[in-house]
Amino acid sequence: MSLTTQSRTLPMAIMTYLERSASAKPASARATFTENAVVIDDGKTYTGETAITAWLAGSAAEFEYTTTQLRTEKDESSTTVVNRVEGNFPGRSVDLNYRFELDAESGLIQALTISI
């Protein structure tokens, strides 16, 4: 994924997650989450370090894809990044909403919900 001017204005944990999750070592994105973070993706919930690490590794191994950031939206409690994901999965292209909630103290991701 290439960084756009828009993505450079994102909080560090979100920017780092987006870069690492699309890299050759997606499990390294685990460092952007709090210890007891929750991820909801494809109707499944992953809670805590072990589950999120496995989710990161599994999602990257399943398909090859590229990601293009389309836009960001912010409100009082969250930041949503909309990415177009294209690859060798059914449908070949989808726009995904990544809704991040950050821990106020650490700045790390405490919740991530990925939806269409």
PDB file of N, CA and C in Angstrom:
ATOM      1  N   MET A   1       0.842  -1.176   0.000  1.00  0.00           N
ATOM      2  CA  MET A   1       0.000   0.000   0.000  1.00  0.00           C
ATOM      3  C   MET A   1       0.882   1.232   0.000  1.00  0.00           C
ATOM      4  N   SER A   2       0.547   2.179  -0.818  1.00  0.00           N
ATOM      5  CA  SER A   2       1.317   3.410  -0.823  1.00  0.00           C
ATOM      6  C   SER A   2       0.644   4.432   0.078  1.00  0.00           C
ATOM      7  N   LEU A   3       1.459   5.208   0.767  1.00  0.00           N
ATOM      8  CA  LEU A   3       0.932   6.230   1.651  1.00  0.00           C
ATOM      9  C   LEU A   3       0.494   7.440   0.843  1.00  0.00           C
ATOM     10  N   THR A   4      -0.668   7.940   1.162  1.00  0.00           N
ATOM     11  CA  THR A   4      -1.148   9.163   0.535  1.00  0.00           C
ATOM     12  C   THR A   4      -1.007  10.288   1.553  1.00  0.00           C
ATOM     13  N   THR A   5      -1.183  11.514   1.111  1.00  0.00           N
ATOM     14  CA  THR A   5      -1.158  12.638   2.047  1.00  0.00           C
ATOM     15  C   THR A   5      -2.207  12.432   3.121  1.00  0.00           C
ATOM     16  N   GLN A   6      -3.362  11.908   2.726  1.00  0.00           N
ATOM     17  CA  GLN A   6      -4.443  11.676   3.668  1.00  0.00           C
ATOM     18  C   GLN A   6      -4.030  10.677   4.746  1.00  0.00           C
ATOM     19  N   SER A   7      -3.354   9.599   4.380  1.00  0.00           N
ATOM     20  CA  SER A   7      -2.993   8.593   5.373  1.00  0.00           C
ATOM     21  C   SER A   7      -1.926   9.097   6.329  1.00  0.00           C
ATOM     22  N   ARG A   8      -1.120  10.063   5.918  1.00  0.00           N
ATOM     23  CA  ARG A   8      -0.093  10.599   6.822  1.00  0.00           C
ATOM     24  C   ARG A   8      -0.697  11.388   7.974  1.00  0.00           C
ATOM     25  N   THR A   9      -1.969  11.781   7.862  1.00  0.00           N
ATOM     26  CA  THR A   9      -2.624  12.512   8.941  1.00  0.00           C
ATOM     27  C   THR A   9      -3.308  11.578   9.929  1.00  0.00           C
ATOM     28  N   LEU A  10      -3.256  10.290   9.671  1.00  0.00           N
ATOM     29  CA  LEU A  10      -3.855   9.311  10.567  1.00  0.00           C
ATOM     30  C   LEU A  10      -2.994   9.132  11.816  1.00  0.00           C
ATOM     31  N   PRO A  11      -3.613   8.708  12.929  1.00  0.00           N
ATOM     32  CA  PRO A  11      -2.823   8.377  14.113  1.00  0.00           C
ATOM     33  C   PRO A  11      -1.789   7.298  13.785  1.00  0.00           C
ATOM     34  N   MET A  12      -0.676   7.331  14.484  1.00  0.00           N
ATOM     35  CA  MET A  12       0.449   6.438  14.205  1.00  0.00           C
ATOM     36  C   MET A  12       0.053   4.955  14.222  1.00  0.00           C
ATOM     37  N   ALA A  13      -0.737   4.525  15.206  1.00  0.00           N
ATOM     38  CA  ALA A  13      -1.111   3.103  15.291  1.00  0.00           C
ATOM     39  C   ALA A  13      -1.891   2.666  14.052  1.00  0.00           C
ATOM     40  N   ILE A  14      -2.768   3.514  13.554  1.00  0.00           N
ATOM     41  CA  ILE A  14      -3.553   3.171  12.361  1.00  0.00           C
ATOM     42  C   ILE A  14      -2.659   3.125  11.139  1.00  0.00           C
ATOM     43  N   MET A  15      -1.833   4.130  10.973  1.00  0.00           N
ATOM     44  CA  MET A  15      -0.913   4.173   9.833  1.00  0.00           C
ATOM     45  C   MET A  15      -0.013   2.931   9.825  1.00  0.00           C
ATOM     46  N   THR A  16       0.535   2.598  10.994  1.00  0.00           N
ATOM     47  CA  THR A  16       1.428   1.445  11.102  1.00  0.00           C
ATOM     48  C   THR A  16       0.671   0.151  10.827  1.00  0.00           C
ATOM     49  N   TYR A  17      -0.536   0.001  11.371  1.00  0.00           N
ATOM     50  CA  TYR A  17      -1.343  -1.190  11.106  1.00  0.00           C
ATOM     51  C   TYR A  17      -1.564  -1.358   9.604  1.00  0.00           C
ATOM     52  N   LEU A  18      -1.987  -0.291   8.927  1.00  0.00           N
ATOM     53  CA  LEU A  18      -2.276  -0.375   7.496  1.00  0.00           C
ATOM     54  C   LEU A  18      -1.035  -0.769   6.694  1.00  0.00           C
ATOM     55  N   GLU A  19       0.107  -0.216   7.054  1.00  0.00           N
ATOM     56  CA  GLU A  19       1.354  -0.554   6.350  1.00  0.00           C
ATOM     57  C   GLU A  19       1.753  -2.002   6.607  1.00  0.00           C
ATOM     58  N   ARG A  20       1.762  -2.398   7.881  1.00  0.00           N
ATOM     59  CA  ARG A  20       2.237  -3.747   8.238  1.00  0.00           C
ATOM     60  C   ARG A  20       1.281  -4.850   7.809  1.00  0.00           C
ATOM     61  N   SER A  21      -0.017  -4.609   7.898  1.00  0.00           N
ATOM     62  CA  SER A  21      -0.973  -5.663   7.539  1.00  0.00           C
ATOM     63  C   SER A  21      -0.922  -5.972   6.046  1.00  0.00           C
ATOM     64  N   ALA A  22      -0.477  -5.019   5.237  1.00  0.00           N
ATOM     65  CA  ALA A  22      -0.358  -5.235   3.785  1.00  0.00           C
ATOM     66  C   ALA A  22       1.064  -5.619   3.383  1.00  0.00           C
ATOM     67  N   SER A  23       1.942  -5.841   4.355  1.00  0.00           N
ATOM     68  CA  SER A  23       3.347  -6.139   4.066  1.00  0.00           C
ATOM     69  C   SER A  23       3.588  -7.643   3.971  1.00  0.00           C
ATOM     70  N   ALA A  24       4.832  -8.003   3.746  1.00  0.00           N
ATOM     71  CA  ALA A  24       5.222  -9.420   3.691  1.00  0.00           C
ATOM     72  C   ALA A  24       5.163 -10.079   5.071  1.00  0.00           C
ATOM     73  N   LYS A  25       5.126  -9.282   6.137  1.00  0.00           N
ATOM     74  CA  LYS A  25       5.061  -9.820   7.504  1.00  0.00           C
ATOM     75  C   LYS A  25       3.873  -9.197   8.247  1.00  0.00           C
ATOM     76  N   PRO A  26       2.645  -9.578   7.865  1.00  0.00           N
ATOM     77  CA  PRO A  26       1.464  -8.941   8.450  1.00  0.00           C
ATOM     78  C   PRO A  26       1.323  -9.151   9.957  1.00  0.00           C
ATOM     79  N   ALA A  27       1.867 -10.244  10.501  1.00  0.00           N
ATOM     80  CA  ALA A  27       1.747 -10.482  11.945  1.00  0.00           C
ATOM     81  C   ALA A  27       2.449  -9.397  12.754  1.00  0.00           C
ATOM     82  N   SER A  28       3.389  -8.662  12.129  1.00  0.00           N
ATOM     83  CA  SER A  28       4.061  -7.566  12.830  1.00  0.00           C
ATOM     84  C   SER A  28       3.088  -6.432  13.157  1.00  0.00           C
ATOM     85  N   ALA A  29       1.912  -6.423  12.531  1.00  0.00           N
ATOM     86  CA  ALA A  29       0.895  -5.415  12.837  1.00  0.00           C
ATOM     87  C   ALA A  29       0.313  -5.624  14.232  1.00  0.00           C
ATOM     88  N   ARG A  30       0.548  -6.775  14.835  1.00  0.00           N
ATOM     89  CA  ARG A  30       0.040  -7.064  16.181  1.00  0.00           C
ATOM     90  C   ARG A  30       0.501  -6.015  17.188  1.00  0.00           C
ATOM     91  N   ALA A  31       1.677  -5.452  16.993  1.00  0.00           N
ATOM     92  CA  ALA A  31       2.225  -4.461  17.926  1.00  0.00           C
ATOM     93  C   ALA A  31       1.398  -3.176  17.969  1.00  0.00           C
ATOM     94  N   THR A  32       0.470  -2.989  17.040  1.00  0.00           N
ATOM     95  CA  THR A  32      -0.345  -1.772  17.022  1.00  0.00           C
ATOM     96  C   THR A  32      -1.612  -1.915  17.859  1.00  0.00           C
ATOM     97  N   PHE A  33      -1.844  -3.101  18.443  1.00  0.00           N
ATOM     98  CA  PHE A  33      -3.045  -3.374  19.227  1.00  0.00           C
ATOM     99  C   PHE A  33      -2.740  -3.408  20.727  1.00  0.00           C
ATOM    100  N   THR A  34      -3.740  -3.041  21.537  1.00  0.00           N
ATOM    101  CA  THR A  34      -3.626  -3.215  22.978  1.00  0.00           C
ATOM    102  C   THR A  34      -3.652  -4.718  23.283  1.00  0.00           C
ATOM    103  N   GLU A  35      -3.264  -5.077  24.488  1.00  0.00           N
ATOM    104  CA  GLU A  35      -3.176  -6.488  24.882  1.00  0.00           C
ATOM    105  C   GLU A  35      -4.513  -7.217  24.751  1.00  0.00           C
ATOM    106  N   ASN A  36      -5.602  -6.554  25.114  1.00  0.00           N
ATOM    107  CA  ASN A  36      -6.931  -7.184  25.095  1.00  0.00           C
ATOM    108  C   ASN A  36      -7.818  -6.639  23.979  1.00  0.00           C
ATOM    109  N   ALA A  37      -7.208  -6.231  22.890  1.00  0.00           N
ATOM    110  CA  ALA A  37      -7.965  -5.667  21.770  1.00  0.00           C
ATOM    111  C   ALA A  37      -8.951  -6.677  21.197  1.00  0.00           C
ATOM    112  N   VAL A  38      -9.926  -6.134  20.470  1.00  0.00           N
ATOM    113  CA  VAL A  38     -10.942  -6.957  19.810  1.00  0.00           C
ATOM    114  C   VAL A  38     -10.968  -6.592  18.330  1.00  0.00           C
ATOM    115  N   VAL A  39     -10.945  -7.622  17.471  1.00  0.00           N
ATOM    116  CA  VAL A  39     -11.076  -7.426  16.028  1.00  0.00           C
ATOM    117  C   VAL A  39     -12.315  -8.195  15.571  1.00  0.00           C
ATOM    118  N   ILE A  40     -13.156  -7.535  14.798  1.00  0.00           N
ATOM    119  CA  ILE A  40     -14.309  -8.191  14.186  1.00  0.00           C
ATOM    120  C   ILE A  40     -14.098  -8.125  12.681  1.00  0.00           C
ATOM    121  N   ASP A  41     -14.039  -9.299  12.051  1.00  0.00           N
ATOM    122  CA  ASP A  41     -13.800  -9.387  10.609  1.00  0.00           C
ATOM    123  C   ASP A  41     -14.560 -10.581  10.052  1.00  0.00           C
ATOM    124  N   ASP A  42     -15.294 -10.360   8.986  1.00  0.00           N
ATOM    125  CA  ASP A  42     -16.003 -11.423   8.291  1.00  0.00           C
ATOM    126  C   ASP A  42     -16.917 -12.206   9.237  1.00  0.00           C
ATOM    127  N   GLY A  43     -17.581 -11.480  10.153  1.00  0.00           N
ATOM    128  CA  GLY A  43     -18.526 -12.111  11.067  1.00  0.00           C
ATOM    129  C   GLY A  43     -17.907 -12.855  12.240  1.00  0.00           C
ATOM    130  N   LYS A  44     -16.589 -12.801  12.366  1.00  0.00           N
ATOM    131  CA  LYS A  44     -15.906 -13.493  13.462  1.00  0.00           C
ATOM    132  C   LYS A  44     -15.238 -12.472  14.373  1.00  0.00           C
ATOM    133  N   THR A  45     -15.151 -12.802  15.661  1.00  0.00           N
ATOM    134  CA  THR A  45     -14.525 -11.925  16.645  1.00  0.00           C
ATOM    135  C   THR A  45     -13.239 -12.560  17.151  1.00  0.00           C
ATOM    136  N   TYR A  46     -12.178 -11.757  17.182  1.00  0.00           N
ATOM    137  CA  TYR A  46     -10.863 -12.199  17.662  1.00  0.00           C
ATOM    138  C   TYR A  46     -10.491 -11.293  18.826  1.00  0.00           C
ATOM    139  N   THR A  47     -10.248 -11.886  19.989  1.00  0.00           N
ATOM    140  CA  THR A  47      -9.960 -11.107  21.189  1.00  0.00           C
ATOM    141  C   THR A  47      -8.611 -11.509  21.760  1.00  0.00           C
ATOM    142  N   GLY A  48      -7.775 -10.519  22.027  1.00  0.00           N
ATOM    143  CA  GLY A  48      -6.493 -10.754  22.671  1.00  0.00           C
ATOM    144  C   GLY A  48      -5.365 -11.033  21.697  1.00  0.00           C
ATOM    145  N   GLU A  49      -4.175 -11.011  22.264  1.00  0.00           N
ATOM    146  CA  GLU A  49      -2.940 -11.102  21.486  1.00  0.00           C
ATOM    147  C   GLU A  49      -2.837 -12.355  20.615  1.00  0.00           C
ATOM    148  N   THR A  50      -3.089 -13.522  21.176  1.00  0.00           N
ATOM    149  CA  THR A  50      -2.933 -14.775  20.439  1.00  0.00           C
ATOM    150  C   THR A  50      -3.916 -14.851  19.271  1.00  0.00           C
ATOM    151  N   ALA A  51      -5.173 -14.534  19.528  1.00  0.00           N
ATOM    152  CA  ALA A  51      -6.200 -14.614  18.482  1.00  0.00           C
ATOM    153  C   ALA A  51      -5.939 -13.606  17.366  1.00  0.00           C
ATOM    154  N   ILE A  52      -5.536 -12.403  17.719  1.00  0.00           N
ATOM    155  CA  ILE A  52      -5.286 -11.376  16.702  1.00  0.00           C
ATOM    156  C   ILE A  52      -4.049 -11.712  15.879  1.00  0.00           C
ATOM    157  N   THR A  53      -3.021 -12.234  16.517  1.00  0.00           N
ATOM    158  CA  THR A  53      -1.819 -12.640  15.780  1.00  0.00           C
ATOM    159  C   THR A  53      -2.161 -13.730  14.761  1.00  0.00           C
ATOM    160  N   ALA A  54      -2.950 -14.710  15.168  1.00  0.00           N
ATOM    161  CA  ALA A  54      -3.359 -15.787  14.260  1.00  0.00           C
ATOM    162  C   ALA A  54      -4.225 -15.241  13.126  1.00  0.00           C
ATOM    163  N   TRP A  55      -5.132 -14.330  13.444  1.00  0.00           N
ATOM    164  CA  TRP A  55      -5.986 -13.709  12.425  1.00  0.00           C
ATOM    165  C   TRP A  55      -5.141 -12.964  11.397  1.00  0.00           C
ATOM    166  N   LEU A  56      -4.173 -12.178  11.849  1.00  0.00           N
ATOM    167  CA  LEU A  56      -3.306 -11.437  10.930  1.00  0.00           C
ATOM    168  C   LEU A  56      -2.546 -12.377  10.002  1.00  0.00           C
ATOM    169  N   ALA A  57      -1.986 -13.436  10.556  1.00  0.00           N
ATOM    170  CA  ALA A  57      -1.215 -14.391   9.753  1.00  0.00           C
ATOM    171  C   ALA A  57      -2.116 -15.148   8.785  1.00  0.00           C
ATOM    172  N   GLY A  58      -3.287 -15.521   9.239  1.00  0.00           N
ATOM    173  CA  GLY A  58      -4.207 -16.297   8.408  1.00  0.00           C
ATOM    174  C   GLY A  58      -4.784 -15.516   7.252  1.00  0.00           C
ATOM    175  N   SER A  59      -5.153 -14.273   7.497  1.00  0.00           N
ATOM    176  CA  SER A  59      -5.764 -13.484   6.425  1.00  0.00           C
ATOM    177  C   SER A  59      -4.764 -13.196   5.314  1.00  0.00           C
ATOM    178  N   ALA A  60      -3.504 -13.052   5.656  1.00  0.00           N
ATOM    179  CA  ALA A  60      -2.481 -12.781   4.648  1.00  0.00           C
ATOM    180  C   ALA A  60      -2.142 -14.027   3.846  1.00  0.00           C
ATOM    181  N   ALA A  61      -2.193 -15.190   4.480  1.00  0.00           N
ATOM    182  CA  ALA A  61      -1.824 -16.429   3.803  1.00  0.00           C
ATOM    183  C   ALA A  61      -2.908 -16.904   2.838  1.00  0.00           C
ATOM    184  N   GLU A  62      -4.139 -16.479   3.076  1.00  0.00           N
ATOM    185  CA  GLU A  62      -5.264 -16.983   2.299  1.00  0.00           C
ATOM    186  C   GLU A  62      -5.305 -16.438   0.872  1.00  0.00           C
ATOM    187  N   PHE A  63      -5.007 -15.150   0.684  1.00  0.00           N
ATOM    188  CA  PHE A  63      -5.121 -14.523  -0.622  1.00  0.00           C
ATOM    189  C   PHE A  63      -3.962 -13.575  -0.885  1.00  0.00           C
ATOM    190  N   GLU A  64      -3.717 -13.300  -2.160  1.00  0.00           N
ATOM    191  CA  GLU A  64      -2.787 -12.236  -2.549  1.00  0.00           C
ATOM    192  C   GLU A  64      -3.644 -11.041  -2.948  1.00  0.00           C
ATOM    193  N   TYR A  65      -3.276  -9.846  -2.471  1.00  0.00           N
ATOM    194  CA  TYR A  65      -4.100  -8.683  -2.755  1.00  0.00           C
ATOM    195  C   TYR A  65      -3.293  -7.393  -2.666  1.00  0.00           C
ATOM    196  N   THR A  66      -3.868  -6.343  -3.237  1.00  0.00           N
ATOM    197  CA  THR A  66      -3.322  -4.998  -3.095  1.00  0.00           C
ATOM    198  C   THR A  66      -4.397  -4.130  -2.455  1.00  0.00           C
ATOM    199  N   THR A  67      -3.963  -3.072  -1.791  1.00  0.00           N
ATOM    200  CA  THR A  67      -4.872  -2.193  -1.076  1.00  0.00           C
ATOM    201  C   THR A  67      -4.644  -0.757  -1.504  1.00  0.00           C
ATOM    202  N   THR A  68      -5.737  -0.048  -1.777  1.00  0.00           N
ATOM    203  CA  THR A  68      -5.672   1.373  -2.116  1.00  0.00           C
ATOM    204  C   THR A  68      -6.589   2.128  -1.164  1.00  0.00           C
ATOM    205  N   GLN A  69      -6.037   3.099  -0.468  1.00  0.00           N
ATOM    206  CA  GLN A  69      -6.848   3.886   0.452  1.00  0.00           C
ATOM    207  C   GLN A  69      -7.715   4.855  -0.338  1.00  0.00           C
ATOM    208  N   LEU A  70      -9.030   4.849  -0.069  1.00  0.00           N
ATOM    209  CA  LEU A  70      -9.965   5.722  -0.770  1.00  0.00           C
ATOM    210  C   LEU A  70     -10.289   6.980   0.025  1.00  0.00           C
ATOM    211  N   ARG A  71     -10.562   6.812   1.331  1.00  0.00           N
ATOM    212  CA  ARG A  71     -10.913   7.986   2.153  1.00  0.00           C
ATOM    213  C   ARG A  71     -10.869   7.623   3.635  1.00  0.00           C
ATOM    214  N   THR A  72     -10.922   8.652   4.472  1.00  0.00           N
ATOM    215  CA  THR A  72     -11.020   8.460   5.912  1.00  0.00           C
ATOM    216  C   THR A  72     -12.179   9.291   6.449  1.00  0.00           C
ATOM    217  N   GLU A  73     -12.751   8.815   7.530  1.00  0.00           N
ATOM    218  CA  GLU A  73     -13.851   9.506   8.209  1.00  0.00           C
ATOM    219  C   GLU A  73     -13.570   9.436   9.697  1.00  0.00           C
ATOM    220  N   LYS A  74     -13.795  10.551  10.402  1.00  0.00           N
ATOM    221  CA  LYS A  74     -13.541  10.577  11.845  1.00  0.00           C
ATOM    222  C   LYS A  74     -14.780  11.048  12.583  1.00  0.00           C
ATOM    223  N   ASP A  75     -14.999  10.470  13.769  1.00  0.00           N
ATOM    224  CA  ASP A  75     -15.991  10.998  14.699  1.00  0.00           C
ATOM    225  C   ASP A  75     -15.361  11.022  16.085  1.00  0.00           C
ATOM    226  N   GLU A  76     -16.148  11.268  17.119  1.00  0.00           N
ATOM    227  CA  GLU A  76     -15.592  11.423  18.462  1.00  0.00           C
ATOM    228  C   GLU A  76     -14.892  10.168  18.965  1.00  0.00           C
ATOM    229  N   SER A  77     -15.378   8.985  18.573  1.00  0.00           N
ATOM    230  CA  SER A  77     -14.853   7.757  19.164  1.00  0.00           C
ATOM    231  C   SER A  77     -14.057   6.872  18.214  1.00  0.00           C
ATOM    232  N   SER A  78     -14.046   7.195  16.925  1.00  0.00           N
ATOM    233  CA  SER A  78     -13.381   6.278  15.995  1.00  0.00           C
ATOM    234  C   SER A  78     -12.881   6.982  14.735  1.00  0.00           C
ATOM    235  N   THR A  79     -12.028   6.267  14.027  1.00  0.00           N
ATOM    236  CA  THR A  79     -11.553   6.677  12.707  1.00  0.00           C
ATOM    237  C   THR A  79     -11.827   5.518  11.768  1.00  0.00           C
ATOM    238  N   THR A  80     -12.485   5.801  10.656  1.00  0.00           N
ATOM    239  CA  THR A  80     -12.762   4.779   9.663  1.00  0.00           C
ATOM    240  C   THR A  80     -11.942   5.055   8.417  1.00  0.00           C
ATOM    241  N   VAL A  81     -11.243   4.039   7.945  1.00  0.00           N
ATOM    242  CA  VAL A  81     -10.466   4.122   6.713  1.00  0.00           C
ATOM    243  C   VAL A  81     -11.147   3.196   5.708  1.00  0.00           C
ATOM    244  N   VAL A  82     -11.469   3.723   4.546  1.00  0.00           N
ATOM    245  CA  VAL A  82     -12.088   2.924   3.498  1.00  0.00           C
ATOM    246  C   VAL A  82     -11.009   2.585   2.480  1.00  0.00           C
ATOM    247  N   ASN A  83     -10.789   1.278   2.298  1.00  0.00           N
ATOM    248  CA  ASN A  83      -9.769   0.778   1.373  1.00  0.00           C
ATOM    249  C   ASN A  83     -10.408  -0.069   0.284  1.00  0.00           C
ATOM    250  N   ARG A  84      -9.924   0.087  -0.931  1.00  0.00           N
ATOM    251  CA  ARG A  84     -10.289  -0.842  -2.005  1.00  0.00           C
ATOM    252  C   ARG A  84      -9.257  -1.958  -1.990  1.00  0.00           C
ATOM    253  N   VAL A  85      -9.734  -3.194  -1.856  1.00  0.00           N
ATOM    254  CA  VAL A  85      -8.873  -4.358  -1.823  1.00  0.00           C
ATOM    255  C   VAL A  85      -9.142  -5.159  -3.098  1.00  0.00           C
ATOM    256  N   GLU A  86      -8.065  -5.416  -3.852  1.00  0.00           N
ATOM    257  CA  GLU A  86      -8.183  -6.158  -5.104  1.00  0.00           C
ATOM    258  C   GLU A  86      -7.213  -7.326  -5.068  1.00  0.00           C
ATOM    259  N   GLY A  87      -7.698  -8.509  -5.504  1.00  0.00           N
ATOM    260  CA  GLY A  87      -6.807  -9.668  -5.468  1.00  0.00           C
ATOM    261  C   GLY A  87      -7.440 -10.924  -6.010  1.00  0.00           C
ATOM    262  N   ASN A  88      -6.879 -12.061  -5.610  1.00  0.00           N
ATOM    263  CA  ASN A  88      -7.302 -13.354  -6.128  1.00  0.00           C
ATOM    264  C   ASN A  88      -8.324 -14.033  -5.211  1.00  0.00           C
ATOM    265  N   PHE A  89      -9.293 -13.288  -4.734  1.00  0.00           N
ATOM    266  CA  PHE A  89     -10.353 -13.814  -3.886  1.00  0.00           C
ATOM    267  C   PHE A  89     -11.677 -13.691  -4.649  1.00  0.00           C
ATOM    268  N   PRO A  90     -12.725 -14.373  -4.207  1.00  0.00           N
ATOM    269  CA  PRO A  90     -14.013 -14.278  -4.903  1.00  0.00           C
ATOM    270  C   PRO A  90     -14.466 -12.824  -5.025  1.00  0.00           C
ATOM    271  N   GLY A  91     -14.846 -12.426  -6.217  1.00  0.00           N
ATOM    272  CA  GLY A  91     -15.267 -11.049  -6.460  1.00  0.00           C
ATOM    273  C   GLY A  91     -14.139 -10.153  -6.929  1.00  0.00           C
ATOM    274  N   ARG A  92     -12.908 -10.493  -6.623  1.00  0.00           N
ATOM    275  CA  ARG A  92     -11.677  -9.833  -7.068  1.00  0.00           C
ATOM    276  C   ARG A  92     -11.481  -8.396  -6.585  1.00  0.00           C
ATOM    277  N   SER A  93     -12.545  -7.709  -6.153  1.00  0.00           N
ATOM    278  CA  SER A  93     -12.406  -6.333  -5.672  1.00  0.00           C
ATOM    279  C   SER A  93     -13.524  -6.028  -4.679  1.00  0.00           C
ATOM    280  N   VAL A  94     -13.160  -5.345  -3.594  1.00  0.00           N
ATOM    281  CA  VAL A  94     -14.155  -4.964  -2.599  1.00  0.00           C
ATOM    282  C   VAL A  94     -13.669  -3.712  -1.873  1.00  0.00           C
ATOM    283  N   ASP A  95     -14.589  -2.841  -1.525  1.00  0.00           N
ATOM    284  CA  ASP A  95     -14.263  -1.682  -0.687  1.00  0.00           C
ATOM    285  C   ASP A  95     -14.586  -2.052   0.748  1.00  0.00           C
ATOM    286  N   LEU A  96     -13.561  -2.014   1.613  1.00  0.00           N
ATOM    287  CA  LEU A  96     -13.732  -2.392   3.014  1.00  0.00           C
ATOM    288  C   LEU A  96     -13.612  -1.178   3.920  1.00  0.00           C
ATOM    289  N   ASN A  97     -14.449  -1.143   4.947  1.00  0.00           N
ATOM    290  CA  ASN A  97     -14.392  -0.119   5.985  1.00  0.00           C
ATOM    291  C   ASN A  97     -13.639  -0.688   7.174  1.00  0.00           C
ATOM    292  N   TYR A  98     -12.559  -0.017   7.560  1.00  0.00           N
ATOM    293  CA  TYR A  98     -11.778  -0.387   8.732  1.00  0.00           C
ATOM    294  C   TYR A  98     -12.084   0.652   9.807  1.00  0.00           C
ATOM    295  N   ARG A  99     -12.896   0.286  10.802  1.00  0.00           N
ATOM    296  CA  ARG A  99     -13.267   1.223  11.863  1.00  0.00           C
ATOM    297  C   ARG A  99     -12.384   0.969  13.075  1.00  0.00           C
ATOM    298  N   PHE A 100     -11.538   1.943  13.372  1.00  0.00           N
ATOM    299  CA  PHE A 100     -10.565   1.840  14.462  1.00  0.00           C
ATOM    300  C   PHE A 100     -11.038   2.634  15.672  1.00  0.00           C
ATOM    301  N   GLU A 101     -10.928   2.022  16.854  1.00  0.00           N
ATOM    302  CA  GLU A 101     -11.103   2.728  18.118  1.00  0.00           C
ATOM    303  C   GLU A 101      -9.779   2.619  18.854  1.00  0.00           C
ATOM    304  N   LEU A 102      -9.233   3.761  19.235  1.00  0.00           N
ATOM    305  CA  LEU A 102      -7.919   3.786  19.883  1.00  0.00           C
ATOM    306  C   LEU A 102      -8.052   3.943  21.390  1.00  0.00           C
ATOM    307  N   ASP A 103      -7.116   3.350  22.112  1.00  0.00           N
ATOM    308  CA  ASP A 103      -7.012   3.529  23.553  1.00  0.00           C
ATOM    309  C   ASP A 103      -6.472   4.933  23.800  1.00  0.00           C
ATOM    310  N   ALA A 104      -7.184   5.727  24.581  1.00  0.00           N
ATOM    311  CA  ALA A 104      -6.801   7.122  24.803  1.00  0.00           C
ATOM    312  C   ALA A 104      -5.435   7.266  25.454  1.00  0.00           C
ATOM    313  N   GLU A 105      -5.082   6.324  26.331  1.00  0.00           N
ATOM    314  CA  GLU A 105      -3.824   6.417  27.062  1.00  0.00           C
ATOM    315  C   GLU A 105      -2.620   6.001  26.210  1.00  0.00           C
ATOM    316  N   SER A 106      -2.706   4.843  25.574  1.00  0.00           N
ATOM    317  CA  SER A 106      -1.550   4.316  24.833  1.00  0.00           C
ATOM    318  C   SER A 106      -1.513   4.735  23.367  1.00  0.00           C
ATOM    319  N   GLY A 107      -2.667   5.094  22.817  1.00  0.00           N
ATOM    320  CA  GLY A 107      -2.740   5.415  21.386  1.00  0.00           C
ATOM    321  C   GLY A 107      -2.803   4.186  20.505  1.00  0.00           C
ATOM    322  N   LEU A 108      -2.853   2.985  21.123  1.00  0.00           N
ATOM    323  CA  LEU A 108      -2.917   1.740  20.367  1.00  0.00           C
ATOM    324  C   LEU A 108      -4.370   1.397  20.026  1.00  0.00           C
ATOM    325  N   ILE A 109      -4.542   0.488  19.086  1.00  0.00           N
ATOM    326  CA  ILE A 109      -5.873   0.075  18.651  1.00  0.00           C
ATOM    327  C   ILE A 109      -6.492  -0.825  19.719  1.00  0.00           C
ATOM    328  N   GLN A 110      -7.665  -0.440  20.223  1.00  0.00           N
ATOM    329  CA  GLN A 110      -8.359  -1.285  21.191  1.00  0.00           C
ATOM    330  C   GLN A 110      -9.509  -2.043  20.536  1.00  0.00           C
ATOM    331  N   ALA A 111      -9.962  -1.553  19.373  1.00  0.00           N
ATOM    332  CA  ALA A 111     -11.001  -2.279  18.636  1.00  0.00           C
ATOM    333  C   ALA A 111     -10.876  -1.944  17.156  1.00  0.00           C
ATOM    334  N   LEU A 112     -11.061  -2.971  16.331  1.00  0.00           N
ATOM    335  CA  LEU A 112     -11.065  -2.816  14.881  1.00  0.00           C
ATOM    336  C   LEU A 112     -12.209  -3.640  14.338  1.00  0.00           C
ATOM    337  N   THR A 113     -13.093  -2.983  13.586  1.00  0.00           N
ATOM    338  CA  THR A 113     -14.188  -3.669  12.927  1.00  0.00           C
ATOM    339  C   THR A 113     -14.025  -3.469  11.428  1.00  0.00           C
ATOM    340  N   ILE A 114     -13.967  -4.583  10.695  1.00  0.00           N
ATOM    341  CA  ILE A 114     -13.821  -4.539   9.243  1.00  0.00           C
ATOM    342  C   ILE A 114     -15.131  -4.984   8.639  1.00  0.00           C
ATOM    343  N   SER A 115     -15.698  -4.144   7.760  1.00  0.00           N
ATOM    344  CA  SER A 115     -16.991  -4.459   7.153  1.00  0.00           C
ATOM    345  C   SER A 115     -17.028  -3.946   5.711  1.00  0.00           C
ATOM    346  N   ILE A 116     -18.028  -4.432   4.989  1.00  0.00           N
ATOM    347  CA  ILE A 116     -18.222  -3.978   3.604  1.00  0.00           C
ATOM    348  C   ILE A 116     -19.096  -2.747   3.620  1.00  0.00           C
TER     349      ILE A 116
END
